[in-house]
Amino acid sequence: MIRILLADDQSNVRRGLRMRLDLEPGIAVIGEAGDGERAIELARELAPDVVLMDVEMPKLDGIAATERLQQLVPGCSVVILTIHDDAGTRERARNAGAAAFVSKHQIDAKLMEAIRSARPGPEAQPG
């Protein structure tokens, strides 16, 4: 089971992601955060396998939160999920330690592949 924490400042986006992920076998959404600081708090508390992290969030943006998670919750992978699909944002995400980057415009095509490949271990492999 891949345990997911959703981090996005828009509750309707989190609700839509939860509905989509609830349809996937082997995926469990274990928490939701509306800002980067709360995402870090919940990740430390819940120890998710993967955090789906938006870039633009209040209090602490998703890139900074990703960088902090690498230090505070080392077993947790981050998949950046954003509308900002440009080379600069991708590079910043990669440098912060993100395992994958998915444009919100490509959710259906890329999201599940990114989640499954972001989680370390044998369960991460599609099949």
C-alpha atoms as a PDB file:
ATOM      1  CA  MET A   1       0.000   0.000   0.000  1.00  0.00           C
ATOM      2  CA  ILE A   2       1.375   3.418  -0.987  1.00  0.00           C
ATOM      3  CA  ARG A   3       0.431   5.993   1.642  1.00  0.00           C
ATOM      4  CA  ILE A   4      -0.135   9.489   0.194  1.00  0.00           C
ATOM      5  CA  LEU A   5      -0.277  12.949   1.776  1.00  0.00           C
ATOM      6  CA  LEU A   6      -1.936  15.628  -0.377  1.00  0.00           C
ATOM      7  CA  ALA A   7      -0.561  19.176  -0.076  1.00  0.00           C
ATOM      8  CA  ASP A   8      -2.383  21.857  -2.053  1.00  0.00           C
ATOM      9  CA  ASP A   9      -3.822  25.181  -0.927  1.00  0.00           C
ATOM     10  CA  GLN A  10      -7.034  24.654  -2.911  1.00  0.00           C
ATOM     11  CA  SER A  11      -9.495  22.378  -1.134  1.00  0.00           C
ATOM     12  CA  ASN A  12     -11.307  21.561  -4.395  1.00  0.00           C
ATOM     13  CA  VAL A  13      -8.022  20.313  -5.910  1.00  0.00           C
ATOM     14  CA  ARG A  14      -7.345  18.145  -2.848  1.00  0.00           C
ATOM     15  CA  ARG A  15     -10.904  16.788  -3.000  1.00  0.00           C
ATOM     16  CA  GLY A  16     -10.545  15.950  -6.702  1.00  0.00           C
ATOM     17  CA  LEU A  17      -7.182  14.263  -6.163  1.00  0.00           C
ATOM     18  CA  ARG A  18      -8.564  12.247  -3.256  1.00  0.00           C
ATOM     19  CA  MET A  19     -11.526  11.088  -5.355  1.00  0.00           C
ATOM     20  CA  ARG A  20      -9.172  10.065  -8.187  1.00  0.00           C
ATOM     21  CA  LEU A  21      -6.676   8.309  -5.908  1.00  0.00           C
ATOM     22  CA  ASP A  22      -9.421   6.468  -4.020  1.00  0.00           C
ATOM     23  CA  LEU A  23     -10.126   4.606  -7.269  1.00  0.00           C
ATOM     24  CA  GLU A  24      -6.588   3.222  -7.443  1.00  0.00           C
ATOM     25  CA  PRO A  25      -5.775  -0.152  -5.880  1.00  0.00           C
ATOM     26  CA  GLY A  26      -2.768  -0.051  -3.588  1.00  0.00           C
ATOM     27  CA  ILE A  27      -3.091   3.697  -2.880  1.00  0.00           C
ATOM     28  CA  ALA A  28      -4.337   5.252   0.374  1.00  0.00           C
ATOM     29  CA  VAL A  29      -4.661   8.989   1.022  1.00  0.00           C
ATOM     30  CA  ILE A  30      -3.760   9.384   4.698  1.00  0.00           C
ATOM     31  CA  GLY A  31      -3.912  13.166   5.078  1.00  0.00           C
ATOM     32  CA  GLU A  32      -4.330  16.592   3.511  1.00  0.00           C
ATOM     33  CA  ALA A  33      -2.551  19.894   4.044  1.00  0.00           C
ATOM     34  CA  GLY A  34      -3.452  23.359   2.771  1.00  0.00           C
ATOM     35  CA  ASP A  35      -0.003  24.928   3.182  1.00  0.00           C
ATOM     36  CA  GLY A  36       3.653  23.937   3.208  1.00  0.00           C
ATOM     37  CA  GLU A  37       4.120  24.156   6.977  1.00  0.00           C
ATOM     38  CA  ARG A  38       1.129  21.906   7.626  1.00  0.00           C
ATOM     39  CA  ALA A  39       2.417  19.459   5.004  1.00  0.00           C
ATOM     40  CA  ILE A  40       5.672  19.137   6.940  1.00  0.00           C
ATOM     41  CA  GLU A  41       3.849  18.710  10.267  1.00  0.00           C
ATOM     42  CA  LEU A  42       1.605  15.989   8.848  1.00  0.00           C
ATOM     43  CA  ALA A  43       4.465  14.236   7.067  1.00  0.00           C
ATOM     44  CA  ARG A  44       6.392  14.045  10.335  1.00  0.00           C
ATOM     45  CA  GLU A  45       3.309  12.735  12.137  1.00  0.00           C
ATOM     46  CA  LEU A  46       1.918  10.335   9.506  1.00  0.00           C
ATOM     47  CA  ALA A  47       5.120   9.203   7.704  1.00  0.00           C
ATOM     48  CA  PRO A  48       3.606   8.954   4.188  1.00  0.00           C
ATOM     49  CA  ASP A  49       5.432   7.161   1.405  1.00  0.00           C
ATOM     50  CA  VAL A  50       4.702   9.981  -1.038  1.00  0.00           C
ATOM     51  CA  VAL A  51       3.635  13.610  -0.689  1.00  0.00           C
ATOM     52  CA  LEU A  52       1.828  15.153  -3.665  1.00  0.00           C
ATOM     53  CA  MET A  53       3.023  18.746  -3.292  1.00  0.00           C
ATOM     54  CA  ASP A  54       1.760  21.863  -5.040  1.00  0.00           C
ATOM     55  CA  VAL A  55       4.359  24.579  -5.656  1.00  0.00           C
ATOM     56  CA  GLU A  56       2.359  27.699  -4.789  1.00  0.00           C
ATOM     57  CA  MET A  57       1.083  27.487  -1.215  1.00  0.00           C
ATOM     58  CA  PRO A  58       0.850  29.915   1.697  1.00  0.00           C
ATOM     59  CA  LYS A  59       3.230  29.998   4.670  1.00  0.00           C
ATOM     60  CA  LEU A  60       5.852  27.860   2.909  1.00  0.00           C
ATOM     61  CA  ASP A  61       5.905  27.093  -0.809  1.00  0.00           C
ATOM     62  CA  GLY A  62       6.093  23.528  -2.095  1.00  0.00           C
ATOM     63  CA  ILE A  63       9.721  23.757  -3.216  1.00  0.00           C
ATOM     64  CA  ALA A  64      10.904  24.892   0.236  1.00  0.00           C
ATOM     65  CA  ALA A  65       8.662  22.306   1.908  1.00  0.00           C
ATOM     66  CA  THR A  66      10.136  19.587  -0.327  1.00  0.00           C
ATOM     67  CA  GLU A  67      13.650  20.588   0.651  1.00  0.00           C
ATOM     68  CA  ARG A  68      12.757  20.492   4.349  1.00  0.00           C
ATOM     69  CA  LEU A  69      11.036  17.118   4.021  1.00  0.00           C
ATOM     70  CA  GLN A  70      14.233  15.610   2.631  1.00  0.00           C
ATOM     71  CA  GLN A  71      15.914  16.474   5.932  1.00  0.00           C
ATOM     72  CA  LEU A  72      13.052  15.857   8.374  1.00  0.00           C
ATOM     73  CA  VAL A  73      11.311  12.811   6.838  1.00  0.00           C
ATOM     74  CA  PRO A  74      14.012  11.081   4.762  1.00  0.00           C
ATOM     75  CA  GLY A  75      11.886   8.027   3.853  1.00  0.00           C
ATOM     76  CA  CYS A  76       9.265  10.217   2.193  1.00  0.00           C
ATOM     77  CA  SER A  77       9.292  10.993  -1.535  1.00  0.00           C
ATOM     78  CA  VAL A  78       7.758  14.131  -3.022  1.00  0.00           C
ATOM     79  CA  VAL A  79       5.928  14.374  -6.321  1.00  0.00           C
ATOM     80  CA  ILE A  80       5.551  18.007  -7.333  1.00  0.00           C
ATOM     81  CA  LEU A  81       2.133  18.648  -8.844  1.00  0.00           C
ATOM     82  CA  THR A  82       1.747  22.131 -10.324  1.00  0.00           C
ATOM     83  CA  ILE A  83       0.417  24.301 -13.121  1.00  0.00           C
ATOM     84  CA  HIS A  84       3.909  25.818 -13.480  1.00  0.00           C
ATOM     85  CA  ASP A  85       5.352  23.427 -16.048  1.00  0.00           C
ATOM     86  CA  ASP A  86       8.504  25.297 -16.987  1.00  0.00           C
ATOM     87  CA  ALA A  87      12.200  24.440 -16.969  1.00  0.00           C
ATOM     88  CA  GLY A  88      13.019  26.747 -14.057  1.00  0.00           C
ATOM     89  CA  THR A  89      10.362  25.271 -11.768  1.00  0.00           C
ATOM     90  CA  ARG A  90      11.358  21.745 -12.758  1.00  0.00           C
ATOM     91  CA  GLU A  91      14.990  22.484 -11.950  1.00  0.00           C
ATOM     92  CA  ARG A  92      14.109  24.050  -8.580  1.00  0.00           C
ATOM     93  CA  ALA A  93      11.976  20.988  -7.731  1.00  0.00           C
ATOM     94  CA  ARG A  94      14.739  18.582  -8.738  1.00  0.00           C
ATOM     95  CA  ASN A  95      17.315  20.537  -6.723  1.00  0.00           C
ATOM     96  CA  ALA A  96      15.001  20.452  -3.690  1.00  0.00           C
ATOM     97  CA  GLY A  97      14.890  16.651  -3.895  1.00  0.00           C
ATOM     98  CA  ALA A  98      11.569  15.984  -5.619  1.00  0.00           C
ATOM     99  CA  ALA A  99      11.296  12.438  -6.961  1.00  0.00           C
ATOM    100  CA  ALA A 100       8.983  13.460  -9.816  1.00  0.00           C
ATOM    101  CA  PHE A 101       7.284  16.462 -11.368  1.00  0.00           C
ATOM    102  CA  VAL A 102       3.787  16.344 -12.878  1.00  0.00           C
ATOM    103  CA  SER A 103       1.979  19.212 -14.536  1.00  0.00           C
ATOM    104  CA  LYS A 104      -1.628  19.560 -13.393  1.00  0.00           C
ATOM    105  CA  HIS A 105      -2.441  19.587 -17.115  1.00  0.00           C
ATOM    106  CA  GLN A 106      -1.106  15.992 -17.371  1.00  0.00           C
ATOM    107  CA  ILE A 107      -2.645  14.487 -14.241  1.00  0.00           C
ATOM    108  CA  ASP A 108      -4.448  11.615 -15.948  1.00  0.00           C
ATOM    109  CA  ALA A 109      -1.520  10.607 -18.115  1.00  0.00           C
ATOM    110  CA  LYS A 110       1.362  10.908 -15.649  1.00  0.00           C
ATOM    111  CA  LEU A 111       0.224  11.044 -12.019  1.00  0.00           C
ATOM    112  CA  MET A 112      -0.084   7.349 -11.161  1.00  0.00           C
ATOM    113  CA  GLU A 113       3.185   6.534 -12.919  1.00  0.00           C
ATOM    114  CA  ALA A 114       4.939   9.282 -10.929  1.00  0.00           C
ATOM    115  CA  ILE A 115       3.473   8.125  -7.606  1.00  0.00           C
ATOM    116  CA  ARG A 116       4.374   4.494  -8.139  1.00  0.00           C
ATOM    117  CA  SER A 117       7.893   5.284  -9.323  1.00  0.00           C
ATOM    118  CA  ALA A 118       8.506   7.787  -6.495  1.00  0.00           C
ATOM    119  CA  ARG A 119       7.991   5.222  -3.741  1.00  0.00           C
ATOM    120  CA  PRO A 120      11.111   3.178  -3.085  1.00  0.00           C
ATOM    121  CA  GLY A 121      10.914  -0.576  -2.866  1.00  0.00           C
ATOM    122  CA  PRO A 122       9.369  -3.452  -4.826  1.00  0.00           C
ATOM    123  CA  GLU A 123       5.783  -2.146  -4.581  1.00  0.00           C
ATOM    124  CA  ALA A 124       6.802   0.925  -6.592  1.00  0.00           C
ATOM    125  CA  GLN A 125       7.099  -1.062  -9.786  1.00  0.00           C
ATOM    126  CA  PRO A 126       3.969  -1.104 -11.952  1.00  0.00           C
ATOM    127  CA  GLY A 127       2.603  -4.475 -12.608  1.00  0.00           C
END
